[in-house]
Amino acid sequence: MGGLKYYERTKLLIELIEKERTGSPRDLARKLQVHERTMYRIIEEVRLIQPCETIYCKERKSYIFMKNK
């Protein structure tokens, strides 16, 4: 994955999580135009750089940022 494309996908992922509009993991992989496994790798990297926890919420059907208390 090229550097700029990777950056753009990561930025899009963060925006979608902030808006709680990622959809299911499969939907998110399609939105990012990557394989599902690659999407999970990007999520793991976002978890390392974000100050809050990143989780998948089944009720909202989206990844969300949980504020740490």
C-alpha atoms as a PDB file:
ATOM      1  CA  MET A   1       0.000   0.000   0.000  1.00  0.00           C
ATOM      2  CA  GLY A   2       1.532   3.334  -1.051  1.00  0.00           C
ATOM      3  CA  GLY A   3       2.328   5.942   1.596  1.00  0.00           C
ATOM      4  CA  LEU A   4      -0.120   8.604   0.431  1.00  0.00           C
ATOM      5  CA  LYS A   5      -2.911   6.123  -0.210  1.00  0.00           C
ATOM      6  CA  TYR A   6      -2.305   4.614   3.211  1.00  0.00           C
ATOM      7  CA  TYR A   7      -2.445   8.057   4.833  1.00  0.00           C
ATOM      8  CA  GLU A   8      -5.679   8.886   2.983  1.00  0.00           C
ATOM      9  CA  ARG A   9      -7.288   5.599   4.064  1.00  0.00           C
ATOM     10  CA  THR A  10      -6.241   6.119   7.667  1.00  0.00           C
ATOM     11  CA  LYS A  11      -7.598   9.666   7.621  1.00  0.00           C
ATOM     12  CA  LEU A  12     -10.887   8.467   6.081  1.00  0.00           C
ATOM     13  CA  LEU A  13     -11.131   5.717   8.693  1.00  0.00           C
ATOM     14  CA  ILE A  14     -10.700   8.204  11.545  1.00  0.00           C
ATOM     15  CA  GLU A  15     -13.340  10.497  10.016  1.00  0.00           C
ATOM     16  CA  LEU A  16     -15.803   7.610   9.634  1.00  0.00           C
ATOM     17  CA  ILE A  17     -15.210   6.489  13.223  1.00  0.00           C
ATOM     18  CA  GLU A  18     -15.706  10.037  14.537  1.00  0.00           C
ATOM     19  CA  LYS A  19     -19.021  10.227  12.634  1.00  0.00           C
ATOM     20  CA  GLU A  20     -19.915   6.659  13.706  1.00  0.00           C
ATOM     21  CA  ARG A  21     -20.537   5.727  10.066  1.00  0.00           C
ATOM     22  CA  THR A  22     -18.159   2.836   9.449  1.00  0.00           C
ATOM     23  CA  GLY A  23     -20.784   0.123   9.119  1.00  0.00           C
ATOM     24  CA  SER A  24     -19.804  -3.497   9.642  1.00  0.00           C
ATOM     25  CA  PRO A  25     -16.166  -4.567   9.258  1.00  0.00           C
ATOM     26  CA  ARG A  26     -16.985  -5.923   5.794  1.00  0.00           C
ATOM     27  CA  ASP A  27     -18.696  -2.642   4.807  1.00  0.00           C
ATOM     28  CA  LEU A  28     -15.755  -0.668   6.125  1.00  0.00           C
ATOM     29  CA  ALA A  29     -13.267  -2.724   4.109  1.00  0.00           C
ATOM     30  CA  ARG A  30     -15.300  -1.929   0.992  1.00  0.00           C
ATOM     31  CA  LYS A  31     -15.364   1.793   1.843  1.00  0.00           C
ATOM     32  CA  LEU A  32     -11.580   1.786   2.271  1.00  0.00           C
ATOM     33  CA  GLN A  33     -11.173  -0.372  -0.861  1.00  0.00           C
ATOM     34  CA  VAL A  34      -9.009  -2.929   0.929  1.00  0.00           C
ATOM     35  CA  HIS A  35      -9.287  -6.547   2.023  1.00  0.00           C
ATOM     36  CA  GLU A  36     -10.896  -7.092   5.396  1.00  0.00           C
ATOM     37  CA  ARG A  37      -7.596  -8.249   6.929  1.00  0.00           C
ATOM     38  CA  THR A  38      -5.886  -5.026   5.781  1.00  0.00           C
ATOM     39  CA  MET A  39      -8.718  -3.015   7.316  1.00  0.00           C
ATOM     40  CA  TYR A  40      -8.109  -4.748  10.660  1.00  0.00           C
ATOM     41  CA  ARG A  41      -4.409  -3.827  10.445  1.00  0.00           C
ATOM     42  CA  ILE A  42      -5.303  -0.176   9.832  1.00  0.00           C
ATOM     43  CA  ILE A  43      -7.702  -0.254  12.808  1.00  0.00           C
ATOM     44  CA  GLU A  44      -4.907  -1.639  15.008  1.00  0.00           C
ATOM     45  CA  GLU A  45      -2.625   1.218  13.978  1.00  0.00           C
ATOM     46  CA  VAL A  46      -5.360   3.775  14.671  1.00  0.00           C
ATOM     47  CA  ARG A  47      -5.730   2.228  18.132  1.00  0.00           C
ATOM     48  CA  LEU A  48      -2.040   2.934  18.739  1.00  0.00           C
ATOM     49  CA  ILE A  49      -2.208   6.609  17.748  1.00  0.00           C
ATOM     50  CA  GLN A  50      -5.587   7.605  19.196  1.00  0.00           C
ATOM     51  CA  PRO A  51      -5.806   8.660  22.843  1.00  0.00           C
ATOM     52  CA  CYS A  52      -9.162   6.903  23.255  1.00  0.00           C
ATOM     53  CA  GLU A  53     -10.176   3.285  22.841  1.00  0.00           C
ATOM     54  CA  THR A  54     -11.473   2.165  19.429  1.00  0.00           C
ATOM     55  CA  ILE A  55     -14.191  -0.494  19.590  1.00  0.00           C
ATOM     56  CA  TYR A  56     -16.921  -1.938  17.381  1.00  0.00           C
ATOM     57  CA  CYS A  57     -20.410  -1.158  18.711  1.00  0.00           C
ATOM     58  CA  LYS A  58     -23.003  -3.701  17.557  1.00  0.00           C
ATOM     59  CA  GLU A  59     -25.894  -1.395  18.521  1.00  0.00           C
ATOM     60  CA  ARG A  60     -24.605   1.474  16.382  1.00  0.00           C
ATOM     61  CA  LYS A  61     -23.202  -0.875  13.732  1.00  0.00           C
ATOM     62  CA  SER A  62     -20.023   1.163  13.643  1.00  0.00           C
ATOM     63  CA  TYR A  63     -16.570   1.461  15.133  1.00  0.00           C
ATOM     64  CA  ILE A  64     -16.530   4.203  17.749  1.00  0.00           C
ATOM     65  CA  PHE A  65     -14.021   6.044  19.903  1.00  0.00           C
ATOM     66  CA  MET A  66     -14.664   5.473  23.623  1.00  0.00           C
ATOM     67  CA  LYS A  67     -13.454   8.343  25.758  1.00  0.00           C
ATOM     68  CA  ASN A  68     -11.118   7.158  28.516  1.00  0.00           C
ATOM     69  CA  LYS A  69     -12.182   8.212  31.984  1.00  0.00           C
END
